[in-house]
Amino acid sequence: MMLGAQSLTLIEAQLTVLRNLGYEYLPQHEAEIPDRRFFAKPVTRPRAVHLHGLQTAGTRWNAHLKFRDHLRASPGLSESYANLKKRLAAQFVDDRAAYTEAKTTFIRSVLAAERGEA
C-alpha cells in the first residue's frame, strides 16, 4: 500500500498515529530508498501489510501509479506479477533485498515497455 503526502516530513509527523494503528516504522530501509518511509504490520513476522510513505507527485509515486494501472489493465500481466512474487518469496525467504531487486527488474521492464524502450 502507498501513503501519500506533500512531503516526507508530513508522513514523519504521523509516526505516533501509525504506531497506534499497529505499524512498525522501519527507518533502516531509507538507506536503500531515501525518498520513502517504510512501515510494516504487524510488528511480528510474518507481515501482512507493507506501507510505503511517499511524496505525492514525486517520481517514485508516479512510477508506482503507472505500474498499478498496467496491472489493472492487463489481467495476464497481473497474474504474471503475482506468480513472480510467489516464486521469489519462496526463493528469497530470508533475503528481502534480493526479493525486492528481482521484483524490480520485472517492474522496470513493464515501465520501459510503456515508454517504448523494450
PDB file of N, CA and C in Angstrom:
ATOM      1  N   MET A   1       0.839  -1.171   0.000  1.00  0.00           N
ATOM      2  CA  MET A   1       0.000   0.000   0.000  1.00  0.00           C
ATOM      3  C   MET A   1       0.884   1.234   0.000  1.00  0.00           C
ATOM      4  N   MET A   2       0.318   2.320  -0.514  1.00  0.00           N
ATOM      5  CA  MET A   2       1.043   3.582  -0.518  1.00  0.00           C
ATOM      6  C   MET A   2       0.296   4.609   0.317  1.00  0.00           C
ATOM      7  N   LEU A   3       1.072   5.399   1.013  1.00  0.00           N
ATOM      8  CA  LEU A   3       0.574   6.530   1.775  1.00  0.00           C
ATOM      9  C   LEU A   3       1.218   7.754   1.170  1.00  0.00           C
ATOM     10  N   GLY A   4       0.430   8.669   0.667  1.00  0.00           N
ATOM     11  CA  GLY A   4       0.983   9.845   0.015  1.00  0.00           C
ATOM     12  C   GLY A   4       0.764  11.109   0.812  1.00  0.00           C
ATOM     13  N   ALA A   5       1.728  11.998   0.732  1.00  0.00           N
ATOM     14  CA  ALA A   5       1.640  13.312   1.358  1.00  0.00           C
ATOM     15  C   ALA A   5       2.487  14.280   0.533  1.00  0.00           C
ATOM     16  N   GLN A   6       2.282  15.562   0.768  1.00  0.00           N
ATOM     17  CA  GLN A   6       3.043  16.562   0.026  1.00  0.00           C
ATOM     18  C   GLN A   6       4.529  16.514   0.347  1.00  0.00           C
ATOM     19  N   SER A   7       4.867  16.001   1.529  1.00  0.00           N
ATOM     20  CA  SER A   7       6.283  15.896   1.893  1.00  0.00           C
ATOM     21  C   SER A   7       6.477  14.706   2.828  1.00  0.00           C
ATOM     22  N   LEU A   8       7.697  14.219   2.887  1.00  0.00           N
ATOM     23  CA  LEU A   8       8.006  13.137   3.818  1.00  0.00           C
ATOM     24  C   LEU A   8       7.909  13.623   5.264  1.00  0.00           C
ATOM     25  N   THR A   9       8.133  14.898   5.481  1.00  0.00           N
ATOM     26  CA  THR A   9       8.016  15.467   6.818  1.00  0.00           C
ATOM     27  C   THR A   9       6.591  15.307   7.347  1.00  0.00           C
ATOM     28  N   LEU A  10       5.610  15.467   6.472  1.00  0.00           N
ATOM     29  CA  LEU A  10       4.216  15.286   6.888  1.00  0.00           C
ATOM     30  C   LEU A  10       3.937  13.831   7.262  1.00  0.00           C
ATOM     31  N   ILE A  11       4.555  12.907   6.564  1.00  0.00           N
ATOM     32  CA  ILE A  11       4.409  11.486   6.906  1.00  0.00           C
ATOM     33  C   ILE A  11       5.076  11.213   8.248  1.00  0.00           C
ATOM     34  N   GLU A  12       6.278  11.738   8.418  1.00  0.00           N
ATOM     35  CA  GLU A  12       7.011  11.544   9.676  1.00  0.00           C
ATOM     36  C   GLU A  12       6.241  12.121  10.864  1.00  0.00           C
ATOM     37  N   ALA A  13       5.474  13.164  10.632  1.00  0.00           N
ATOM     38  CA  ALA A  13       4.687  13.778  11.706  1.00  0.00           C
ATOM     39  C   ALA A  13       3.556  12.866  12.186  1.00  0.00           C
ATOM     40  N   GLN A  14       3.273  11.817  11.415  1.00  0.00           N
ATOM     41  CA  GLN A  14       2.189  10.895  11.762  1.00  0.00           C
ATOM     42  C   GLN A  14       2.700   9.575  12.335  1.00  0.00           C
ATOM     43  N   LEU A  15       3.951   9.524  12.743  1.00  0.00           N
ATOM     44  CA  LEU A  15       4.516   8.274  13.261  1.00  0.00           C
ATOM     45  C   LEU A  15       3.717   7.717  14.441  1.00  0.00           C
ATOM     46  N   THR A  16       3.324   8.560  15.356  1.00  0.00           N
ATOM     47  CA  THR A  16       2.565   8.090  16.518  1.00  0.00           C
ATOM     48  C   THR A  16       1.222   7.506  16.084  1.00  0.00           C
ATOM     49  N   VAL A  17       0.556   8.167  15.183  1.00  0.00           N
ATOM     50  CA  VAL A  17      -0.732   7.663  14.678  1.00  0.00           C
ATOM     51  C   VAL A  17      -0.545   6.301  14.018  1.00  0.00           C
ATOM     52  N   LEU A  18       0.475   6.160  13.189  1.00  0.00           N
ATOM     53  CA  LEU A  18       0.723   4.902  12.501  1.00  0.00           C
ATOM     54  C   LEU A  18       1.088   3.801  13.491  1.00  0.00           C
ATOM     55  N   ARG A  19       1.898   4.121  14.487  1.00  0.00           N
ATOM     56  CA  ARG A  19       2.226   3.135  15.529  1.00  0.00           C
ATOM     57  C   ARG A  19       0.966   2.696  16.264  1.00  0.00           C
ATOM     58  N   ASN A  20       0.080   3.632  16.562  1.00  0.00           N
ATOM     59  CA  ASN A  20      -1.173   3.296  17.240  1.00  0.00           C
ATOM     60  C   ASN A  20      -2.079   2.425  16.378  1.00  0.00           C
ATOM     61  N   LEU A  21      -1.886   2.470  15.077  1.00  0.00           N
ATOM     62  CA  LEU A  21      -2.636   1.609  14.149  1.00  0.00           C
ATOM     63  C   LEU A  21      -1.972   0.241  13.960  1.00  0.00           C
ATOM     64  N   GLY A  22      -0.839   0.036  14.639  1.00  0.00           N
ATOM     65  CA  GLY A  22      -0.165  -1.255  14.593  1.00  0.00           C
ATOM     66  C   GLY A  22       0.992  -1.358  13.624  1.00  0.00           C
ATOM     67  N   TYR A  23       1.399  -0.241  13.030  1.00  0.00           N
ATOM     68  CA  TYR A  23       2.514  -0.254  12.082  1.00  0.00           C
ATOM     69  C   TYR A  23       3.842  -0.055  12.810  1.00  0.00           C
ATOM     70  N   GLU A  24       4.848  -0.719  12.309  1.00  0.00           N
ATOM     71  CA  GLU A  24       6.208  -0.504  12.775  1.00  0.00           C
ATOM     72  C   GLU A  24       6.932   0.337  11.726  1.00  0.00           C
ATOM     73  N   TYR A  25       7.571   1.391  12.163  1.00  0.00           N
ATOM     74  CA  TYR A  25       8.365   2.230  11.274  1.00  0.00           C
ATOM     75  C   TYR A  25       9.744   1.608  11.154  1.00  0.00           C
ATOM     76  N   LEU A  26      10.215   1.411   9.923  1.00  0.00           N
ATOM     77  CA  LEU A  26      11.493   0.755   9.671  1.00  0.00           C
ATOM     78  C   LEU A  26      12.437   1.715   8.942  1.00  0.00           C
ATOM     79  N   PRO A  27      13.037   2.652   9.671  1.00  0.00           N
ATOM     80  CA  PRO A  27      13.885   3.666   9.028  1.00  0.00           C
ATOM     81  C   PRO A  27      15.138   3.104   8.376  1.00  0.00           C
ATOM     82  N   GLN A  28      15.568   1.903   8.763  1.00  0.00           N
ATOM     83  CA  GLN A  28      16.774   1.326   8.163  1.00  0.00           C
ATOM     84  C   GLN A  28      16.620   1.128   6.651  1.00  0.00           C
ATOM     85  N   HIS A  29      15.391   1.038   6.174  1.00  0.00           N
ATOM     86  CA  HIS A  29      15.168   0.867   4.736  1.00  0.00           C
ATOM     87  C   HIS A  29      15.410   2.152   3.943  1.00  0.00           C
ATOM     88  N   GLU A  30      15.568   3.251   4.638  1.00  0.00           N
ATOM     89  CA  GLU A  30      15.838   4.518   3.960  1.00  0.00           C
ATOM     90  C   GLU A  30      17.234   4.555   3.348  1.00  0.00           C
ATOM     91  N   ALA A  31      18.127   3.673   3.809  1.00  0.00           N
ATOM     92  CA  ALA A  31      19.449   3.589   3.193  1.00  0.00           C
ATOM     93  C   ALA A  31      19.327   3.133   1.744  1.00  0.00           C
ATOM     94  N   GLU A  32      18.366   2.226   1.485  1.00  0.00           N
ATOM     95  CA  GLU A  32      18.127   1.727   0.129  1.00  0.00           C
ATOM     96  C   GLU A  32      17.305   2.715  -0.696  1.00  0.00           C
ATOM     97  N   ILE A  33      16.256   3.262  -0.071  1.00  0.00           N
ATOM     98  CA  ILE A  33      15.333   4.153  -0.785  1.00  0.00           C
ATOM     99  C   ILE A  33      15.082   5.378   0.090  1.00  0.00           C
ATOM    100  N   PRO A  34      15.927   6.403  -0.028  1.00  0.00           N
ATOM    101  CA  PRO A  34      15.824   7.562   0.862  1.00  0.00           C
ATOM    102  C   PRO A  34      14.558   8.394   0.697  1.00  0.00           C
ATOM    103  N   ASP A  35      13.893   8.301  -0.450  1.00  0.00           N
ATOM    104  CA  ASP A  35      12.695   9.113  -0.671  1.00  0.00           C
ATOM    105  C   ASP A  35      11.413   8.350  -0.325  1.00  0.00           C
ATOM    106  N   ARG A  36      11.532   7.391   0.594  1.00  0.00           N
ATOM    107  CA  ARG A  36      10.379   6.599   1.034  1.00  0.00           C
ATOM    108  C   ARG A  36      10.476   6.375   2.540  1.00  0.00           C
ATOM    109  N   ARG A  37       9.330   6.362   3.188  1.00  0.00           N
ATOM    110  CA  ARG A  37       9.245   5.950   4.581  1.00  0.00           C
ATOM    111  C   ARG A  37       8.505   4.617   4.583  1.00  0.00           C
ATOM    112  N   PHE A  38       9.075   3.622   5.250  1.00  0.00           N
ATOM    113  CA  PHE A  38       8.561   2.257   5.164  1.00  0.00           C
ATOM    114  C   PHE A  38       8.009   1.808   6.512  1.00  0.00           C
ATOM    115  N   PHE A  39       6.820   1.230   6.463  1.00  0.00           N
ATOM    116  CA  PHE A  39       6.127   0.732   7.643  1.00  0.00           C
ATOM    117  C   PHE A  39       5.640  -0.686   7.358  1.00  0.00           C
ATOM    118  N   ALA A  40       5.560  -1.494   8.408  1.00  0.00           N
ATOM    119  CA  ALA A  40       5.062  -2.861   8.250  1.00  0.00           C
ATOM    120  C   ALA A  40       4.125  -3.186   9.412  1.00  0.00           C
ATOM    121  N   LYS A  41       3.218  -4.111   9.130  1.00  0.00           N
ATOM    122  CA  LYS A  41       2.210  -4.507  10.106  1.00  0.00           C
ATOM    123  C   LYS A  41       1.912  -5.983   9.926  1.00  0.00           C
ATOM    124  N   PRO A  42       1.827  -6.758  10.948  1.00  0.00           N
ATOM    125  CA  PRO A  42       2.067  -6.432  12.344  1.00  0.00           C
ATOM    126  C   PRO A  42       3.566  -6.306  12.623  1.00  0.00           C
ATOM    127  N   VAL A  43       3.877  -5.948  13.844  1.00  0.00           N
ATOM    128  CA  VAL A  43       5.278  -5.761  14.231  1.00  0.00           C
ATOM    129  C   VAL A  43       6.023  -7.086  14.144  1.00  0.00           C
ATOM    130  N   THR A  44       5.363  -8.185  14.478  1.00  0.00           N
ATOM    131  CA  THR A  44       5.995  -9.506  14.396  1.00  0.00           C
ATOM    132  C   THR A  44       5.775 -10.101  13.012  1.00  0.00           C
ATOM    133  N   ARG A  45       6.714 -10.917  12.591  1.00  0.00           N
ATOM    134  CA  ARG A  45       6.603 -11.592  11.290  1.00  0.00           C
ATOM    135  C   ARG A  45       5.754 -12.836  11.422  1.00  0.00           C
ATOM    136  N   PRO A  46       5.099 -13.265  10.388  1.00  0.00           N
ATOM    137  CA  PRO A  46       5.105 -12.684   9.041  1.00  0.00           C
ATOM    138  C   PRO A  46       4.265 -11.407   8.984  1.00  0.00           C
ATOM    139  N   ARG A  47       4.685 -10.523   8.130  1.00  0.00           N
ATOM    140  CA  ARG A  47       3.998  -9.243   7.965  1.00  0.00           C
ATOM    141  C   ARG A  47       2.821  -9.429   7.010  1.00  0.00           C
ATOM    142  N   ALA A  48       1.727  -8.785   7.308  1.00  0.00           N
ATOM    143  CA  ALA A  48       0.559  -8.836   6.432  1.00  0.00           C
ATOM    144  C   ALA A  48       0.499  -7.624   5.508  1.00  0.00           C
ATOM    145  N   VAL A  49       1.092  -6.505   5.957  1.00  0.00           N
ATOM    146  CA  VAL A  49       0.964  -5.252   5.216  1.00  0.00           C
ATOM    147  C   VAL A  49       2.309  -4.525   5.188  1.00  0.00           C
ATOM    148  N   HIS A  50       2.654  -4.019   4.017  1.00  0.00           N
ATOM    149  CA  HIS A  50       3.776  -3.089   3.865  1.00  0.00           C
ATOM    150  C   HIS A  50       3.177  -1.772   3.410  1.00  0.00           C
ATOM    151  N   LEU A  51       3.538  -0.712   4.092  1.00  0.00           N
ATOM    152  CA  LEU A  51       3.025   0.612   3.772  1.00  0.00           C
ATOM    153  C   LEU A  51       4.195   1.496   3.368  1.00  0.00           C
ATOM    154  N   HIS A  52       4.131   2.023   2.168  1.00  0.00           N
ATOM    155  CA  HIS A  52       5.190   2.852   1.612  1.00  0.00           C
ATOM    156  C   HIS A  52       4.735   4.309   1.660  1.00  0.00           C
ATOM    157  N   GLY A  53       5.397   5.112   2.472  1.00  0.00           N
ATOM    158  CA  GLY A  53       5.083   6.530   2.557  1.00  0.00           C
ATOM    159  C   GLY A  53       5.903   7.295   1.537  1.00  0.00           C
ATOM    160  N   LEU A  54       5.211   7.955   0.619  1.00  0.00           N
ATOM    161  CA  LEU A  54       5.874   8.644  -0.485  1.00  0.00           C
ATOM    162  C   LEU A  54       5.344  10.061  -0.653  1.00  0.00           C
ATOM    163  N   GLN A  55       6.181  10.878  -1.229  1.00  0.00           N
ATOM    164  CA  GLN A  55       5.759  12.227  -1.580  1.00  0.00           C
ATOM    165  C   GLN A  55       4.925  12.151  -2.854  1.00  0.00           C
ATOM    166  N   THR A  56       3.703  12.685  -2.782  1.00  0.00           N
ATOM    167  CA  THR A  56       2.843  12.676  -3.965  1.00  0.00           C
ATOM    168  C   THR A  56       3.459  13.562  -5.040  1.00  0.00           C
ATOM    169  N   ALA A  57       3.207  13.187  -6.252  1.00  0.00           N
ATOM    170  CA  ALA A  57       3.723  13.888  -7.428  1.00  0.00           C
ATOM    171  C   ALA A  57       5.224  13.706  -7.602  1.00  0.00           C
ATOM    172  N   GLY A  58       5.847  12.887  -6.759  1.00  0.00           N
ATOM    173  CA  GLY A  58       7.261  12.577  -6.937  1.00  0.00           C
ATOM    174  C   GLY A  58       7.439  11.484  -7.986  1.00  0.00           C
ATOM    175  N   THR A  59       8.650  11.284  -8.420  1.00  0.00           N
ATOM    176  CA  THR A  59       8.960  10.296  -9.450  1.00  0.00           C
ATOM    177  C   THR A  59       8.547   8.888  -9.025  1.00  0.00           C
ATOM    178  N   ARG A  60       8.879   8.514  -7.806  1.00  0.00           N
ATOM    179  CA  ARG A  60       8.557   7.158  -7.319  1.00  0.00           C
ATOM    180  C   ARG A  60       7.041   6.974  -7.220  1.00  0.00           C
ATOM    181  N   TRP A  61       6.334   7.970  -6.701  1.00  0.00           N
ATOM    182  CA  TRP A  61       4.877   7.917  -6.592  1.00  0.00           C
ATOM    183  C   TRP A  61       4.259   7.685  -7.974  1.00  0.00           C
ATOM    184  N   ASN A  62       4.686   8.477  -8.939  1.00  0.00           N
ATOM    185  CA  ASN A  62       4.128   8.368 -10.291  1.00  0.00           C
ATOM    186  C   ASN A  62       4.435   7.015 -10.934  1.00  0.00           C
ATOM    187  N   ALA A  63       5.643   6.501 -10.722  1.00  0.00           N
ATOM    188  CA  ALA A  63       6.005   5.197 -11.280  1.00  0.00           C
ATOM    189  C   ALA A  63       5.141   4.092 -10.672  1.00  0.00           C
ATOM    190  N   HIS A  64       4.919   4.155  -9.362  1.00  0.00           N
ATOM    191  CA  HIS A  64       4.069   3.154  -8.711  1.00  0.00           C
ATOM    192  C   HIS A  64       2.650   3.195  -9.279  1.00  0.00           C
ATOM    193  N   LEU A  65       2.126   4.390  -9.485  1.00  0.00           N
ATOM    194  CA  LEU A  65       0.772   4.504 -10.036  1.00  0.00           C
ATOM    195  C   LEU A  65       0.698   3.981 -11.465  1.00  0.00           C
ATOM    196  N   LYS A  66       1.714   4.275 -12.268  1.00  0.00           N
ATOM    197  CA  LYS A  66       1.730   3.770 -13.643  1.00  0.00           C
ATOM    198  C   LYS A  66       1.780   2.242 -13.659  1.00  0.00           C
ATOM    199  N   PHE A  67       2.616   1.672 -12.811  1.00  0.00           N
ATOM    200  CA  PHE A  67       2.714   0.218 -12.747  1.00  0.00           C
ATOM    201  C   PHE A  67       1.376  -0.376 -12.296  1.00  0.00           C
ATOM    202  N   ARG A  68       0.776   0.205 -11.275  1.00  0.00           N
ATOM    203  CA  ARG A  68      -0.541  -0.248 -10.813  1.00  0.00           C
ATOM    204  C   ARG A  68      -1.559  -0.211 -11.952  1.00  0.00           C
ATOM    205  N   ASP A  69      -1.556   0.867 -12.711  1.00  0.00           N
ATOM    206  CA  ASP A  69      -2.506   0.998 -13.816  1.00  0.00           C
ATOM    207  C   ASP A  69      -2.293  -0.084 -14.867  1.00  0.00           C
ATOM    208  N   HIS A  70      -1.043  -0.441 -15.121  1.00  0.00           N
ATOM    209  CA  HIS A  70      -0.757  -1.525 -16.076  1.00  0.00           C
ATOM    210  C   HIS A  70      -1.301  -2.854 -15.550  1.00  0.00           C
ATOM    211  N   LEU A  71      -1.121  -3.109 -14.271  1.00  0.00           N
ATOM    212  CA  LEU A  71      -1.636  -4.354 -13.689  1.00  0.00           C
ATOM    213  C   LEU A  71      -3.160  -4.403 -13.779  1.00  0.00           C
ATOM    214  N   ARG A  72      -3.800  -3.303 -13.513  1.00  0.00           N
ATOM    215  CA  ARG A  72      -5.268  -3.244 -13.586  1.00  0.00           C
ATOM    216  C   ARG A  72      -5.769  -3.442 -15.011  1.00  0.00           C
ATOM    217  N   ALA A  73      -5.018  -2.940 -15.979  1.00  0.00           N
ATOM    218  CA  ALA A  73      -5.452  -3.007 -17.375  1.00  0.00           C
ATOM    219  C   ALA A  73      -5.186  -4.360 -18.025  1.00  0.00           C
ATOM    220  N   SER A  74      -4.294  -5.143 -17.441  1.00  0.00           N
ATOM    221  CA  SER A  74      -3.906  -6.402 -18.066  1.00  0.00           C
ATOM    222  C   SER A  74      -3.948  -7.552 -17.057  1.00  0.00           C
ATOM    223  N   PRO A  75      -5.024  -8.337 -17.076  1.00  0.00           N
ATOM    224  CA  PRO A  75      -5.099  -9.479 -16.156  1.00  0.00           C
ATOM    225  C   PRO A  75      -3.935 -10.452 -16.332  1.00  0.00           C
ATOM    226  N   GLY A  76      -3.467 -10.632 -17.560  1.00  0.00           N
ATOM    227  CA  GLY A  76      -2.335 -11.525 -17.801  1.00  0.00           C
ATOM    228  C   GLY A  76      -1.061 -11.018 -17.139  1.00  0.00           C
ATOM    229  N   LEU A  77      -0.831  -9.732 -17.258  1.00  0.00           N
ATOM    230  CA  LEU A  77       0.338  -9.124 -16.627  1.00  0.00           C
ATOM    231  C   LEU A  77       0.229  -9.223 -15.104  1.00  0.00           C
ATOM    232  N   SER A  78      -0.951  -8.958 -14.598  1.00  0.00           N
ATOM    233  CA  SER A  78      -1.186  -9.046 -13.162  1.00  0.00           C
ATOM    234  C   SER A  78      -0.935 -10.460 -12.647  1.00  0.00           C
ATOM    235  N   GLU A  79      -1.389 -11.445 -13.384  1.00  0.00           N
ATOM    236  CA  GLU A  79      -1.170 -12.845 -12.996  1.00  0.00           C
ATOM    237  C   GLU A  79       0.315 -13.194 -13.040  1.00  0.00           C
ATOM    238  N   SER A  80       1.009 -12.731 -14.064  1.00  0.00           N
ATOM    239  CA  SER A  80       2.452 -12.980 -14.164  1.00  0.00           C
ATOM    240  C   SER A  80       3.200 -12.374 -12.980  1.00  0.00           C
ATOM    241  N   TYR A  81       2.810 -11.171 -12.611  1.00  0.00           N
ATOM    242  CA  TYR A  81       3.462 -10.500 -11.484  1.00  0.00           C
ATOM    243  C   TYR A  81       3.174 -11.239 -10.174  1.00  0.00           C
ATOM    244  N   ALA A  82       1.936 -11.654  -9.985  1.00  0.00           N
ATOM    245  CA  ALA A  82       1.580 -12.402  -8.765  1.00  0.00           C
ATOM    246  C   ALA A  82       2.371 -13.705  -8.690  1.00  0.00           C
ATOM    247  N   ASN A  83       2.483 -14.408  -9.804  1.00  0.00           N
ATOM    248  CA  ASN A  83       3.248 -15.669  -9.826  1.00  0.00           C
ATOM    249  C   ASN A  83       4.727 -15.421  -9.541  1.00  0.00           C
ATOM    250  N   LEU A  84       5.257 -14.352 -10.118  1.00  0.00           N
ATOM    251  CA  LEU A  84       6.652 -13.998  -9.860  1.00  0.00           C
ATOM    252  C   LEU A  84       6.876 -13.721  -8.379  1.00  0.00           C
ATOM    253  N   LYS A  85       5.993 -12.947  -7.775  1.00  0.00           N
ATOM    254  CA  LYS A  85       6.145 -12.610  -6.361  1.00  0.00           C
ATOM    255  C   LYS A  85       6.100 -13.864  -5.486  1.00  0.00           C
ATOM    256  N   LYS A  86       5.217 -14.789  -5.801  1.00  0.00           N
ATOM    257  CA  LYS A  86       5.134 -16.035  -5.031  1.00  0.00           C
ATOM    258  C   LYS A  86       6.418 -16.840  -5.172  1.00  0.00           C
ATOM    259  N   ARG A  87       6.917 -16.932  -6.402  1.00  0.00           N
ATOM    260  CA  ARG A  87       8.146 -17.682  -6.649  1.00  0.00           C
ATOM    261  C   ARG A  87       9.339 -17.038  -5.942  1.00  0.00           C
ATOM    262  N   LEU A  88       9.430 -15.718  -6.020  1.00  0.00           N
ATOM    263  CA  LEU A  88      10.535 -15.009  -5.379  1.00  0.00           C
ATOM    264  C   LEU A  88      10.442 -15.078  -3.858  1.00  0.00           C
ATOM    265  N   ALA A  89       9.236 -15.026  -3.317  1.00  0.00           N
ATOM    266  CA  ALA A  89       9.061 -15.127  -1.863  1.00  0.00           C
ATOM    267  C   ALA A  89       9.558 -16.475  -1.356  1.00  0.00           C
ATOM    268  N   ALA A  90       9.303 -17.527  -2.126  1.00  0.00           N
ATOM    269  CA  ALA A  90       9.784 -18.857  -1.739  1.00  0.00           C
ATOM    270  C   ALA A  90      11.305 -18.961  -1.910  1.00  0.00           C
ATOM    271  N   GLN A  91      11.827 -18.316  -2.943  1.00  0.00           N
ATOM    272  CA  GLN A  91      13.265 -18.385  -3.235  1.00  0.00           C
ATOM    273  C   GLN A  91      14.088 -17.552  -2.257  1.00  0.00           C
ATOM    274  N   PHE A  92      13.577 -16.381  -1.900  1.00  0.00           N
ATOM    275  CA  PHE A  92      14.335 -15.444  -1.059  1.00  0.00           C
ATOM    276  C   PHE A  92      13.652 -15.239   0.294  1.00  0.00           C
ATOM    277  N   VAL A  93      13.363 -16.327   0.970  1.00  0.00           N
ATOM    278  CA  VAL A  93      12.628 -16.282   2.236  1.00  0.00           C
ATOM    279  C   VAL A  93      13.272 -15.321   3.230  1.00  0.00           C
ATOM    280  N   ASP A  94      14.588 -15.354   3.339  1.00  0.00           N
ATOM    281  CA  ASP A  94      15.290 -14.542   4.333  1.00  0.00           C
ATOM    282  C   ASP A  94      16.156 -13.447   3.719  1.00  0.00           C
ATOM    283  N   ASP A  95      15.891 -13.103   2.467  1.00  0.00           N
ATOM    284  CA  ASP A  95      16.695 -12.083   1.799  1.00  0.00           C
ATOM    285  C   ASP A  95      15.779 -11.083   1.104  1.00  0.00           C
ATOM    286  N   ARG A  96      15.272 -10.153   1.885  1.00  0.00           N
ATOM    287  CA  ARG A  96      14.312  -9.168   1.380  1.00  0.00           C
ATOM    288  C   ARG A  96      14.919  -8.334   0.246  1.00  0.00           C
ATOM    289  N   ALA A  97      16.194  -7.984   0.366  1.00  0.00           N
ATOM    290  CA  ALA A  97      16.834  -7.159  -0.664  1.00  0.00           C
ATOM    291  C   ALA A  97      16.871  -7.888  -2.004  1.00  0.00           C
ATOM    292  N   ALA A  98      17.199  -9.172  -1.997  1.00  0.00           N
ATOM    293  CA  ALA A  98      17.238  -9.941  -3.247  1.00  0.00           C
ATOM    294  C   ALA A  98      15.836 -10.094  -3.835  1.00  0.00           C
ATOM    295  N   TYR A  99      14.867 -10.316  -2.959  1.00  0.00           N
ATOM    296  CA  TYR A  99      13.470 -10.412  -3.406  1.00  0.00           C
ATOM    297  C   TYR A  99      13.052  -9.113  -4.094  1.00  0.00           C
ATOM    298  N   THR A 100      13.342  -8.000  -3.447  1.00  0.00           N
ATOM    299  CA  THR A 100      12.954  -6.699  -3.986  1.00  0.00           C
ATOM    300  C   THR A 100      13.658  -6.419  -5.307  1.00  0.00           C
ATOM    301  N   GLU A 101      14.944  -6.724  -5.384  1.00  0.00           N
ATOM    302  CA  GLU A 101      15.691  -6.482  -6.618  1.00  0.00           C
ATOM    303  C   GLU A 101      15.149  -7.319  -7.767  1.00  0.00           C
ATOM    304  N   ALA A 102      14.861  -8.582  -7.504  1.00  0.00           N
ATOM    305  CA  ALA A 102      14.329  -9.455  -8.563  1.00  0.00           C
ATOM    306  C   ALA A 102      12.960  -8.964  -9.030  1.00  0.00           C
ATOM    307  N   LYS A 103      12.157  -8.486  -8.121  1.00  0.00           N
ATOM    308  CA  LYS A 103      10.838  -7.949  -8.455  1.00  0.00           C
ATOM    309  C   LYS A 103      10.972  -6.647  -9.243  1.00  0.00           C
ATOM    310  N   THR A 104      11.967  -5.847  -8.879  1.00  0.00           N
ATOM    311  CA  THR A 104      12.183  -4.551  -9.518  1.00  0.00           C
ATOM    312  C   THR A 104      12.507  -4.708 -10.999  1.00  0.00           C
ATOM    313  N   THR A 105      13.224  -5.745 -11.349  1.00  0.00           N
ATOM    314  CA  THR A 105      13.546  -5.993 -12.761  1.00  0.00           C
ATOM    315  C   THR A 105      12.272  -6.117 -13.589  1.00  0.00           C
ATOM    316  N   PHE A 106      11.297  -6.853 -13.079  1.00  0.00           N
ATOM    317  CA  PHE A 106      10.011  -7.022 -13.768  1.00  0.00           C
ATOM    318  C   PHE A 106       9.303  -5.668 -13.900  1.00  0.00           C
ATOM    319  N   ILE A 107       9.238  -4.932 -12.818  1.00  0.00           N
ATOM    320  CA  ILE A 107       8.546  -3.643 -12.808  1.00  0.00           C
ATOM    321  C   ILE A 107       9.187  -2.686 -13.807  1.00  0.00           C
ATOM    322  N   ARG A 108      10.508  -2.622 -13.791  1.00  0.00           N
ATOM    323  CA  ARG A 108      11.208  -1.728 -14.727  1.00  0.00           C
ATOM    324  C   ARG A 108      10.943  -2.115 -16.175  1.00  0.00           C
ATOM    325  N   SER A 109      10.845  -3.408 -16.448  1.00  0.00           N
ATOM    326  CA  SER A 109      10.590  -3.838 -17.826  1.00  0.00           C
ATOM    327  C   SER A 109       9.196  -3.401 -18.281  1.00  0.00           C
ATOM    328  N   VAL A 110       8.229  -3.456 -17.392  1.00  0.00           N
ATOM    329  CA  VAL A 110       6.867  -3.009 -17.735  1.00  0.00           C
ATOM    330  C   VAL A 110       6.856  -1.506 -18.012  1.00  0.00           C
ATOM    331  N   LEU A 111       7.512  -0.745 -17.161  1.00  0.00           N
ATOM    332  CA  LEU A 111       7.537   0.706 -17.357  1.00  0.00           C
ATOM    333  C   LEU A 111       8.364   1.109 -18.579  1.00  0.00           C
ATOM    334  N   ALA A 112       9.428   0.366 -18.868  1.00  0.00           N
ATOM    335  CA  ALA A 112      10.234   0.648 -20.064  1.00  0.00           C
ATOM    336  C   ALA A 112       9.425   0.371 -21.322  1.00  0.00           C
ATOM    337  N   ALA A 113       8.631  -0.698 -21.308  1.00  0.00           N
ATOM    338  CA  ALA A 113       7.785  -1.023 -22.467  1.00  0.00           C
ATOM    339  C   ALA A 113       6.788   0.094 -22.714  1.00  0.00           C
ATOM    340  N   GLU A 114       6.275   0.672 -21.645  1.00  0.00           N
ATOM    341  CA  GLU A 114       5.328   1.782 -21.784  1.00  0.00           C
ATOM    342  C   GLU A 114       5.991   2.963 -22.486  1.00  0.00           C
ATOM    343  N   ARG A 115       7.262   3.189 -22.197  1.00  0.00           N
ATOM    344  CA  ARG A 115       7.999   4.304 -22.796  1.00  0.00           C
ATOM    345  C   ARG A 115       8.550   3.945 -24.176  1.00  0.00           C
ATOM    346  N   GLY A 116       8.318   2.703 -24.620  1.00  0.00           N
ATOM    347  CA  GLY A 116       8.812   2.273 -25.917  1.00  0.00           C
ATOM    348  C   GLY A 116      10.266   1.893 -25.915  1.00  0.00           C
ATOM    349  N   GLU A 117      10.818   1.550 -24.741  1.00  0.00           N
ATOM    350  CA  GLU A 117      12.232   1.209 -24.628  1.00  0.00           C
ATOM    351  C   GLU A 117      12.477  -0.286 -24.694  1.00  0.00           C
ATOM    352  N   ALA A 118      11.428  -1.074 -24.697  1.00  0.00           N
ATOM    353  CA  ALA A 118      11.630  -2.536 -24.674  1.00  0.00           C
ATOM    354  C   ALA A 118      11.749  -3.088 -26.071  1.00  0.00           C
TER     355      ALA A 118
END
